Amino acid sequence: MSSFKGMTLKEAMPFISKLYESFGVKSMILLKDNEWINVVTVIYFTRRKVEDLNNEYRFLEERLGKIDYDNFKIILQVKPINEFQHVITELENGYLSVGELHTKLLARKPQTIVDEKFGQYGYVARAGEYAEYDFYSANITMDDTPSRILSNFGISASMLGLRGLSDLARSWLGLDSFDSSINIQFIIPIYVKVGEIQYKGGNEINAMSKMHERLFDMSNIWLTREGPGDNAPILERKKYDVASCDNVPQNGFVYVSLRHNFSAIGPNDRLSVSLVHSELGLLDRQEMSMHQLSSQPPDPLSQTFALFDAGKKWEEHLLNPSDDEDFVSSVSWLLERIAFRSLKLGRDETLRENKTEKGSADIIAHHPESKQVLVVDCTIGVPSEPKIDKIKNTADYISRKITFPVKPLIVTAKKSTANKELASRCNVKLIDNTDLETIIGFYKRGYNDQARRIILDNV
């Protein structure tokens, strides 16, 4: 965990401005005596761009419906990180601008907000990016709880068509409940994850990590071997500069892989991997006992696939395809091999309603762990703007029909840097030839999680 824990908001400001792109503000407000009251607000920092987070909020409101009554509202807004100091000034003066409204805080001492210390996370629903990364929070409290305040104003779950107010807290604001006395909550995610430790046999291990690129230059990895038992001494310790490790930058993150040979490994030894930043301290740590580790067994499905011509030529069909059909098949095989459920639609790829065409896709895919559903268009050429629009419209139509977010993805055999920017503006993920080479490289080294992240990040 990072040394953001124990920092005050004022002390964290220099790091916040460097590590994050934007911040989201989710506010629940009530009208009392012609004055808007800020009952609870969640402010969280993110690496995502303003437009990307805005699109997420827009889609959230489309799915859940806006909470927008004459006397009761939930307003979602996104701001660039350089506007955060202005928000701090507002909060210190006892109010917060929410959309076009000027809302009064119920905090006990808003003027002391810059002195509030970040602590262990709590009161936050583990969803979205917070499901993957640890985070810290700082809370500004009041003398009552949001649930009682809502009750006193006559706001009930039943009038909103909900089972309970916790549904409102979790789904619209990302809070576990309204039963704590939080008025303002700040959330800092730490975009670092020490992943799986693999035992390679003998005394060798392989450790994998993912970290935001802005943390990369000043970070180190510490490997430690201890004997069994809580009070066992350290037997071996080694420090690595992450820049000296095998690393692959992708979508603002760096995937780091480190192989290390200890002098010895006992069957009951404990191994740990720690990522440490020179200014922020410990970022993340993973510890495992040897009896929990196992070497990667051969995958019998992949071994069988490799015996067929398809298995021998799939990489060639992906990177240098001769026709669309081979390319679509190979993309489908690739998705299956990195743990997506994948269905190739073939010549019946058209999506219709009452004989009216609504879109099309070459492949539909689902990743069970992340719950992501993708509609995939494959092309051996450079994707045109109409093609990008078509897969986006297909995903939007399906999302409305099944009331579940379906994301559009285009996979091309060409290098398409310029078209990536065009696709991104349309909220379409574009995987090009360079990405395919990286995904294949990860897969062949056994790093399926890293391969999947290239597809799932920012999709």
Protein backbone atom coordinates (compact mmCIF):
# COMPACT_ATOMS: atom_id res chain seq x y z
CA MET A 1 0.00 0.00 0.00
CA SER A 2 1.14 3.53 -0.70
CA SER A 3 2.22 6.18 1.79
CA PHE A 4 -0.73 8.30 0.67
CA LYS A 5 -2.02 6.79 3.90
CA GLY A 6 -1.36 9.38 6.58
CA MET A 7 -0.91 12.26 4.12
CA THR A 8 -3.17 15.24 4.44
CA LEU A 9 -5.02 16.44 1.38
CA LYS A 10 -2.66 19.43 1.27
CA GLU A 11 0.40 17.16 1.35
CA ALA A 12 -1.05 14.94 -1.37
CA MET A 13 -1.80 17.83 -3.75
CA PRO A 14 1.60 17.80 -5.58
CA PHE A 15 1.21 14.08 -6.32
CA ILE A 16 -2.46 14.37 -7.26
CA SER A 17 -1.65 16.96 -9.91
CA LYS A 18 1.02 14.70 -11.44
CA LEU A 19 -0.67 11.30 -11.23
CA TYR A 20 -4.24 11.97 -12.34
CA GLU A 21 -5.94 13.42 -15.43
CA SER A 22 -9.36 14.32 -14.08
CA PHE A 23 -11.71 13.91 -11.14
CA GLY A 24 -15.33 12.87 -10.96
CA VAL A 25 -17.86 14.53 -8.67
CA LYS A 26 -21.06 12.71 -7.70
CA SER A 27 -23.36 14.84 -5.53
CA MET A 28 -26.73 14.20 -3.91
CA ILE A 29 -28.49 17.46 -3.03
CA LEU A 30 -31.78 18.58 -1.47
CA LEU A 31 -33.73 21.86 -1.59
CA LYS A 32 -34.59 23.36 1.81
CA ASP A 33 -36.03 26.87 2.31
CA ASN A 34 -35.01 27.85 -1.24
CA GLU A 35 -31.41 26.75 -0.57
CA TRP A 36 -29.72 23.70 -2.02
CA ILE A 37 -28.06 21.48 0.62
CA ASN A 38 -25.20 19.13 -0.25
CA VAL A 39 -26.10 15.90 1.56
CA VAL A 40 -23.24 13.73 0.28
CA THR A 41 -20.59 14.14 -2.41
CA VAL A 42 -18.00 11.64 -3.63
CA ILE A 43 -14.93 13.09 -5.34
CA TYR A 44 -12.52 10.63 -6.88
CA PHE A 45 -9.39 11.02 -8.95
CA THR A 46 -8.79 9.08 -12.13
CA ARG A 47 -6.18 8.64 -14.83
CA ARG A 48 -8.94 8.80 -17.44
CA LYS A 49 -9.54 11.77 -19.69
CA VAL A 50 -12.44 14.12 -19.06
CA GLU A 51 -14.31 13.01 -22.18
CA ASP A 52 -13.94 9.31 -21.32
CA LEU A 53 -15.34 9.75 -17.81
CA ASN A 54 -18.10 12.00 -19.16
CA ASN A 55 -19.12 9.22 -21.53
CA GLU A 56 -19.24 6.76 -18.63
CA TYR A 57 -21.48 9.09 -16.61
CA ARG A 58 -23.73 9.66 -19.60
CA PHE A 59 -24.12 5.93 -20.14
CA LEU A 60 -24.74 5.41 -16.40
CA GLU A 61 -27.60 7.91 -16.46
CA GLU A 62 -29.02 6.35 -19.62
CA ARG A 63 -29.12 2.93 -17.96
CA LEU A 64 -30.24 3.94 -14.48
CA GLY A 65 -32.23 7.07 -15.23
CA LYS A 66 -31.54 10.54 -13.86
CA ILE A 67 -32.47 11.44 -10.31
CA ASP A 68 -33.80 14.92 -11.07
CA TYR A 69 -36.72 16.21 -9.01
CA ASP A 70 -37.66 19.76 -8.05
CA ASN A 71 -36.31 19.24 -4.51
CA PHE A 72 -33.96 16.27 -4.88
CA LYS A 73 -31.18 15.61 -7.40
CA ILE A 74 -28.10 13.51 -8.03
CA ILE A 75 -25.71 15.33 -10.35
CA LEU A 76 -22.64 13.74 -11.93
CA GLN A 77 -19.89 15.95 -13.31
CA VAL A 78 -16.29 15.63 -14.47
CA LYS A 79 -13.49 18.19 -14.25
CA PRO A 80 -9.84 18.33 -15.36
CA ILE A 81 -7.34 17.90 -12.55
CA ASN A 82 -6.14 21.53 -12.82
CA GLU A 83 -9.54 22.66 -11.48
CA PHE A 84 -9.22 20.71 -8.25
CA GLN A 85 -7.65 23.60 -6.31
CA HIS A 86 -10.74 25.69 -7.11
CA VAL A 87 -12.94 22.94 -5.65
CA ILE A 88 -10.82 22.89 -2.48
CA THR A 89 -11.31 26.65 -2.11
CA GLU A 90 -15.08 26.22 -2.45
CA LEU A 91 -15.16 23.44 0.14
CA GLU A 92 -13.10 25.46 2.61
CA ASN A 93 -15.71 28.20 2.29
CA GLY A 94 -18.51 25.76 3.07
CA TYR A 95 -20.10 25.21 -0.34
CA LEU A 96 -19.66 23.31 -3.59
CA SER A 97 -20.76 24.19 -7.12
CA VAL A 98 -22.80 21.27 -8.46
CA GLY A 99 -23.62 21.80 -12.11
CA GLU A 100 -25.20 25.28 -12.23
CA LEU A 101 -26.22 25.14 -8.56
CA HIS A 102 -24.53 26.57 -5.48
CA THR A 103 -24.87 23.96 -2.69
CA LYS A 104 -24.25 24.41 1.03
CA LEU A 105 -22.18 21.78 2.86
CA LEU A 106 -23.30 20.09 6.06
CA ALA A 107 -19.70 19.34 7.07
CA ARG A 108 -18.74 20.08 10.67
CA LYS A 109 -15.54 21.98 9.85
CA PRO A 110 -15.15 22.48 6.08
CA GLN A 111 -12.38 25.03 6.58
CA THR A 112 -10.06 22.23 7.83
CA ILE A 113 -10.50 20.13 4.69
CA VAL A 114 -6.89 20.43 3.48
CA ASP A 115 -5.76 18.92 6.79
CA GLU A 116 -7.90 15.79 6.43
CA LYS A 117 -5.73 12.66 6.31
CA PHE A 118 -6.12 9.79 3.88
CA GLY A 119 -6.66 6.39 5.42
CA GLN A 120 -7.54 2.84 4.45
CA TYR A 121 -10.40 2.56 2.00
CA GLY A 122 -13.92 2.15 3.32
CA TYR A 123 -17.57 2.88 2.55
CA VAL A 124 -16.94 2.45 -1.19
CA ALA A 125 -18.56 -0.19 -3.40
CA ARG A 126 -15.85 -2.34 -4.99
CA ALA A 127 -16.69 -1.83 -8.65
CA GLY A 128 -15.09 -0.48 -11.81
CA GLU A 129 -11.46 0.52 -11.43
CA TYR A 130 -11.72 0.12 -7.63
CA ALA A 131 -12.27 -3.61 -8.12
CA GLU A 132 -8.73 -3.91 -9.53
CA TYR A 133 -6.71 -1.33 -7.60
CA ASP A 134 -6.34 -0.44 -3.94
CA PHE A 135 -7.29 3.09 -2.98
CA TYR A 136 -7.31 5.51 -0.07
CA SER A 137 -10.06 7.80 1.12
CA ALA A 138 -10.42 10.93 3.23
CA ASN A 139 -13.80 11.75 4.77
CA ILE A 140 -15.36 15.05 5.82
CA THR A 141 -18.16 14.20 8.23
CA MET A 142 -21.35 15.84 9.51
CA ASP A 143 -23.61 15.38 12.55
CA ASP A 144 -26.16 13.14 10.82
CA THR A 145 -26.24 10.38 8.20
CA PRO A 146 -27.54 10.79 4.64
CA SER A 147 -30.13 8.05 5.24
CA ARG A 148 -31.72 9.97 8.14
CA ILE A 149 -31.53 13.27 6.27
CA LEU A 150 -33.35 11.72 3.30
CA SER A 151 -35.96 10.23 5.61
CA ASN A 152 -36.53 13.60 7.30
CA PHE A 153 -37.14 15.15 3.89
CA GLY A 154 -39.63 12.44 2.95
CA ILE A 155 -37.35 10.83 0.36
CA SER A 156 -37.89 7.06 0.39
CA ALA A 157 -36.55 4.19 -1.69
CA SER A 158 -40.07 3.14 -2.70
CA MET A 159 -40.84 6.52 -4.31
CA LEU A 160 -37.75 5.99 -6.48
CA GLY A 161 -38.72 2.43 -7.40
CA LEU A 162 -35.84 0.94 -5.39
CA ARG A 163 -35.62 -1.78 -2.75
CA GLY A 164 -33.64 0.42 -0.38
CA LEU A 165 -31.54 3.56 -0.17
CA SER A 166 -28.40 1.40 -0.37
CA ASP A 167 -29.33 0.77 -4.02
CA LEU A 168 -29.16 4.53 -4.56
CA ALA A 169 -25.84 4.73 -2.72
CA ARG A 170 -24.16 1.86 -4.57
CA SER A 171 -25.47 2.37 -8.09
CA TRP A 172 -25.46 6.17 -8.46
CA LEU A 173 -22.74 7.30 -6.02
CA GLY A 174 -20.53 4.24 -5.60
CA LEU A 175 -20.94 4.13 -1.80
CA ASP A 176 -21.71 0.99 0.18
CA SER A 177 -24.54 2.73 2.04
CA PHE A 178 -25.82 6.03 3.42
CA ASP A 179 -25.44 4.90 7.04
CA SER A 180 -22.13 6.66 7.78
CA SER A 181 -21.95 10.39 8.49
CA ILE A 182 -19.94 11.26 5.36
CA ASN A 183 -20.62 14.62 3.76
CA ILE A 184 -17.61 14.74 1.42
CA GLN A 185 -15.43 11.76 0.51
CA PHE A 186 -12.22 11.88 -1.52
CA ILE A 187 -10.96 8.70 -3.18
CA ILE A 188 -7.41 8.16 -4.46
CA PRO A 189 -6.90 4.95 -6.49
CA ILE A 190 -3.33 3.62 -6.66
CA TYR A 191 -2.83 2.43 -10.22
CA VAL A 192 -0.44 -0.39 -9.35
CA LYS A 193 -0.99 -4.12 -9.05
CA VAL A 194 1.53 -6.80 -8.14
CA GLY A 195 0.11 -9.78 -9.94
CA GLU A 196 0.78 -13.47 -10.06
CA ILE A 197 3.99 -15.06 -8.79
CA GLN A 198 4.85 -18.12 -10.86
CA TYR A 199 7.23 -20.86 -9.76
CA LYS A 200 9.33 -21.90 -12.77
CA GLY A 201 11.11 -24.84 -11.15
CA GLY A 202 14.45 -25.11 -9.34
CA ASN A 203 14.98 -21.84 -7.48
CA GLU A 204 13.46 -19.63 -10.18
CA ILE A 205 10.29 -17.53 -9.97
CA ASN A 206 8.60 -15.14 -12.35
CA ALA A 207 6.85 -12.06 -10.90
CA MET A 208 4.48 -9.87 -12.90
CA SER A 209 3.20 -6.37 -12.13
CA LYS A 210 1.15 -3.63 -13.74
CA MET A 211 1.68 0.05 -12.97
CA HIS A 212 0.71 3.45 -14.30
CA GLU A 213 3.43 4.94 -16.49
CA ARG A 214 3.71 8.01 -14.26
CA LEU A 215 4.91 5.82 -11.39
CA PHE A 216 7.37 3.83 -13.49
CA ASP A 217 10.53 5.95 -13.48
CA MET A 218 10.86 6.20 -9.70
CA SER A 219 9.91 2.66 -8.68
CA ASN A 220 11.79 -0.45 -7.62
CA ILE A 221 10.88 -4.07 -6.99
CA TRP A 222 12.03 -5.84 -3.84
CA LEU A 223 12.04 -9.65 -3.78
CA THR A 224 12.23 -11.33 -0.39
CA ARG A 225 12.52 -14.94 0.76
CA GLU A 226 11.70 -15.85 4.35
CA GLY A 227 11.51 -19.11 6.22
CA PRO A 228 8.23 -20.57 7.54
CA GLY A 229 6.56 -19.03 10.58
CA ASP A 230 5.48 -15.51 11.49
CA ASN A 231 8.76 -14.62 13.19
CA ALA A 232 11.12 -16.20 10.68
CA PRO A 233 14.15 -14.12 9.63
CA ILE A 234 14.68 -12.90 6.08
CA LEU A 235 16.86 -15.40 4.22
CA GLU A 236 17.37 -13.50 0.98
CA ARG A 237 16.54 -10.08 -0.43
CA LYS A 238 17.10 -8.49 -3.84
CA LYS A 239 16.27 -5.07 -5.30
CA TYR A 240 15.52 -4.37 -8.98
CA ASP A 241 14.96 -1.08 -10.79
CA VAL A 242 11.74 -1.65 -12.77
CA ALA A 243 13.36 -0.04 -15.82
CA SER A 244 15.89 -2.91 -15.85
CA CYS A 245 13.11 -5.52 -15.99
CA ASP A 246 11.27 -6.85 -19.01
CA ASN A 247 8.55 -4.24 -19.52
CA VAL A 248 5.89 -3.43 -22.10
CA PRO A 249 4.12 -0.04 -22.16
CA GLN A 250 0.47 -0.15 -23.21
CA ASN A 251 -2.42 2.35 -22.90
CA GLY A 252 -0.76 4.42 -20.18
CA PHE A 253 0.38 1.41 -18.15
CA VAL A 254 3.62 -0.55 -18.01
CA TYR A 255 3.49 -4.33 -17.64
CA VAL A 256 6.62 -5.52 -15.84
CA SER A 257 7.90 -9.10 -15.77
CA LEU A 258 10.85 -10.20 -13.62
CA ARG A 259 12.58 -13.57 -13.50
CA HIS A 260 14.78 -14.25 -10.50
CA ASN A 261 16.87 -17.17 -9.27
CA PHE A 262 17.09 -17.37 -5.50
CA SER A 263 20.10 -19.11 -4.01
CA ALA A 264 17.69 -21.73 -2.66
CA ILE A 265 13.96 -22.20 -2.09
CA GLY A 266 12.57 -24.43 0.62
CA PRO A 267 9.18 -26.14 0.33
CA ASN A 268 7.74 -23.97 3.12
CA ASP A 269 9.50 -20.67 2.32
CA ARG A 270 7.50 -17.47 1.90
CA LEU A 271 8.21 -15.27 -1.12
CA SER A 272 7.15 -11.64 -1.43
CA VAL A 273 7.18 -9.04 -4.20
CA SER A 274 6.97 -5.35 -3.21
CA LEU A 275 6.68 -2.35 -5.54
CA VAL A 276 8.21 0.72 -3.89
CA HIS A 277 8.14 4.32 -5.17
CA SER A 278 10.98 6.61 -4.09
CA GLU A 279 8.56 9.39 -3.01
CA LEU A 280 5.32 7.56 -2.25
CA GLY A 281 6.81 4.54 -0.54
CA LEU A 282 5.20 1.09 -0.75
CA LEU A 283 2.72 0.91 -3.62
CA ASP A 284 1.66 -2.73 -3.52
CA ARG A 285 2.85 -6.07 -2.17
CA GLN A 286 2.12 -9.71 -2.91
CA GLU A 287 3.20 -12.55 -0.63
CA MET A 288 2.83 -16.29 -1.16
CA SER A 289 4.07 -19.46 0.45
CA MET A 290 5.83 -22.02 -1.71
CA HIS A 291 3.08 -24.55 -1.10
CA GLN A 292 0.65 -22.07 -2.77
CA LEU A 293 2.79 -21.76 -5.89
CA SER A 294 2.88 -24.14 -8.77
CA SER A 295 4.56 -24.16 -12.14
CA GLN A 296 2.34 -23.57 -15.17
CA PRO A 297 1.18 -26.95 -16.56
CA PRO A 298 0.95 -27.36 -20.34
CA ASP A 299 -2.44 -26.35 -21.74
CA PRO A 300 -3.85 -29.49 -23.44
CA LEU A 301 -6.23 -27.49 -25.64
CA SER A 302 -3.38 -25.33 -26.96
CA GLN A 303 -1.21 -28.41 -27.42
CA THR A 304 -3.95 -30.07 -29.46
CA PHE A 305 -4.62 -26.90 -31.49
CA ALA A 306 -0.91 -26.65 -32.35
CA LEU A 307 -1.05 -30.03 -34.13
CA PHE A 308 -3.47 -28.72 -36.76
CA ASP A 309 -2.60 -26.46 -39.68
CA ALA A 310 -4.76 -23.77 -38.05
CA GLY A 311 -2.58 -23.87 -34.96
CA LYS A 312 0.58 -23.64 -37.02
CA LYS A 313 -0.64 -20.71 -39.13
CA TRP A 314 -2.79 -18.66 -36.69
CA GLU A 315 -0.02 -16.14 -36.00
CA GLU A 316 0.63 -15.64 -39.72
CA HIS A 317 -3.13 -15.23 -40.35
CA LEU A 318 -3.26 -12.53 -37.66
CA LEU A 319 -0.20 -10.50 -38.63
CA ASN A 320 -0.08 -11.05 -42.39
CA PRO A 321 -3.49 -12.36 -43.50
CA SER A 322 -4.29 -13.12 -47.12
CA ASP A 323 -8.06 -12.78 -46.76
CA ASP A 324 -10.73 -11.61 -44.34
CA GLU A 325 -12.06 -15.08 -43.49
CA ASP A 326 -8.71 -16.35 -42.20
CA PHE A 327 -8.22 -13.14 -40.24
CA VAL A 328 -11.65 -13.31 -38.56
CA SER A 329 -11.08 -16.95 -37.60
CA SER A 330 -7.67 -16.17 -36.14
CA VAL A 331 -9.00 -13.24 -34.10
CA SER A 332 -11.68 -15.56 -32.70
CA TRP A 333 -9.04 -18.19 -31.83
CA LEU A 334 -6.89 -15.55 -30.15
CA LEU A 335 -9.78 -14.36 -27.99
CA GLU A 336 -10.55 -17.94 -26.94
CA ARG A 337 -6.91 -18.59 -26.04
CA ILE A 338 -6.77 -15.62 -23.66
CA ALA A 339 -9.96 -16.66 -21.83
CA PHE A 340 -12.73 -14.86 -23.71
CA ARG A 341 -15.83 -16.78 -24.69
CA SER A 342 -15.90 -16.09 -28.41
CA LEU A 343 -18.52 -16.74 -31.10
CA LYS A 344 -17.67 -16.22 -34.76
CA LEU A 345 -20.85 -15.20 -36.62
CA GLY A 346 -19.70 -16.06 -40.15
CA ARG A 347 -21.89 -15.11 -43.08
CA ASP A 348 -24.90 -14.60 -40.75
CA GLU A 349 -23.30 -11.55 -39.18
CA THR A 350 -26.16 -9.09 -39.77
CA LEU A 351 -28.24 -7.83 -36.84
CA ARG A 352 -31.88 -7.28 -37.77
CA GLU A 353 -35.13 -6.26 -36.13
CA ASN A 354 -38.33 -6.88 -38.08
CA LYS A 355 -36.23 -7.38 -41.23
CA THR A 356 -34.60 -3.96 -40.75
CA GLU A 357 -30.80 -4.05 -40.49
CA LYS A 358 -29.54 -2.54 -37.23
CA GLY A 359 -25.85 -3.43 -37.48
CA SER A 360 -23.39 -6.28 -37.88
CA ALA A 361 -20.33 -7.87 -36.28
CA ASP A 362 -17.87 -10.61 -37.15
CA ILE A 363 -17.46 -11.87 -33.57
CA ILE A 364 -19.19 -11.48 -30.23
CA ALA A 365 -17.11 -12.12 -27.11
CA HIS A 366 -17.52 -12.19 -23.35
CA HIS A 367 -14.91 -12.15 -20.59
CA PRO A 368 -16.55 -13.81 -17.55
CA GLU A 369 -14.27 -12.30 -14.91
CA SER A 370 -14.59 -8.65 -15.95
CA LYS A 371 -18.17 -9.15 -17.24
CA GLN A 372 -17.21 -7.30 -20.44
CA VAL A 373 -19.22 -8.04 -23.59
CA LEU A 374 -17.67 -7.07 -26.93
CA VAL A 375 -18.94 -6.82 -30.49
CA VAL A 376 -15.97 -7.19 -32.81
CA ASP A 377 -15.47 -6.08 -36.39
CA CYS A 378 -12.40 -7.51 -38.16
CA THR A 379 -10.72 -6.08 -41.25
CA ILE A 380 -7.43 -6.70 -43.02
CA GLY A 381 -7.48 -3.08 -44.25
CA VAL A 382 -7.44 0.30 -42.54
CA PRO A 383 -10.87 0.82 -40.95
CA SER A 384 -12.84 3.69 -42.43
CA GLU A 385 -14.95 6.20 -40.52
CA PRO A 386 -18.23 4.56 -41.68
CA LYS A 387 -16.93 1.18 -40.44
CA ILE A 388 -16.10 2.71 -37.05
CA ASP A 389 -19.53 4.32 -36.85
CA LYS A 390 -21.24 1.06 -37.79
CA ILE A 391 -19.69 -1.08 -35.03
CA LYS A 392 -20.36 1.70 -32.51
CA ASN A 393 -24.02 1.87 -33.54
CA THR A 394 -24.23 -1.94 -33.34
CA ALA A 395 -22.89 -1.91 -29.75
CA ASP A 396 -25.22 0.94 -28.75
CA TYR A 397 -28.26 -0.87 -30.19
CA ILE A 398 -27.45 -4.13 -28.39
CA SER A 399 -26.79 -2.26 -25.12
CA ARG A 400 -30.27 -0.77 -25.27
CA LYS A 401 -31.90 -4.10 -26.17
CA ILE A 402 -30.28 -6.20 -23.44
CA THR A 403 -29.91 -3.32 -20.91
CA PHE A 404 -26.23 -4.19 -20.41
CA PRO A 405 -23.20 -2.26 -21.65
CA VAL A 406 -21.76 -3.82 -24.80
CA LYS A 407 -18.49 -2.36 -26.04
CA PRO A 408 -17.41 -1.96 -29.69
CA LEU A 409 -14.03 -3.29 -30.84
CA ILE A 410 -12.32 -3.20 -34.25
CA VAL A 411 -9.34 -5.46 -34.98
CA THR A 412 -7.26 -4.61 -38.04
CA ALA A 413 -4.23 -6.31 -39.56
CA LYS A 414 -2.75 -2.92 -40.48
CA LYS A 415 -0.86 -0.40 -38.35
CA SER A 416 -3.45 2.30 -37.80
CA THR A 417 -2.20 4.98 -35.41
CA ALA A 418 -4.20 7.81 -36.98
CA ASN A 419 -7.38 5.75 -37.09
CA LYS A 420 -6.96 4.85 -33.41
CA GLU A 421 -7.46 8.51 -32.57
CA LEU A 422 -10.56 8.66 -34.77
CA ALA A 423 -11.95 5.48 -33.19
CA SER A 424 -11.21 6.73 -29.68
CA ARG A 425 -13.19 9.91 -30.32
CA CYS A 426 -16.14 7.66 -31.24
CA ASN A 427 -15.60 5.52 -28.10
CA VAL A 428 -14.53 2.53 -30.18
CA LYS A 429 -11.46 0.48 -29.18
CA LEU A 430 -9.14 -0.23 -32.12
CA ILE A 431 -6.59 -3.05 -31.95
CA ASP A 432 -4.07 -2.79 -34.78
CA ASN A 433 -1.09 -4.84 -36.03
CA THR A 434 1.25 -3.45 -33.37
CA ASP A 435 -1.21 -4.38 -30.60
CA LEU A 436 -1.63 -7.87 -32.07
CA GLU A 437 2.13 -8.42 -31.96
CA THR A 438 2.15 -7.40 -28.28
CA ILE A 439 -0.84 -9.61 -27.42
CA ILE A 440 0.73 -12.59 -29.17
CA GLY A 441 4.02 -11.94 -27.35
CA PHE A 442 2.27 -11.88 -23.98
CA TYR A 443 0.30 -15.04 -24.80
CA LYS A 444 3.36 -17.01 -25.94
CA ARG A 445 5.12 -16.15 -22.66
CA GLY A 446 2.09 -17.24 -20.64
CA TYR A 447 0.97 -13.73 -19.60
CA ASN A 448 -2.70 -14.07 -20.50
CA ASP A 449 -3.85 -11.39 -18.07
CA GLN A 450 -1.58 -8.80 -19.68
CA ALA A 451 -2.77 -9.87 -23.13
CA ARG A 452 -6.41 -9.44 -22.10
CA ARG A 453 -5.75 -6.03 -20.57
CA ILE A 454 -4.63 -4.67 -23.95
CA ILE A 455 -8.11 -5.49 -25.23
CA LEU A 456 -10.08 -4.55 -22.11
CA ASP A 457 -8.28 -1.36 -20.98
CA ASN A 458 -10.29 1.70 -22.04
CA VAL A 459 -12.63 -0.45 -24.10
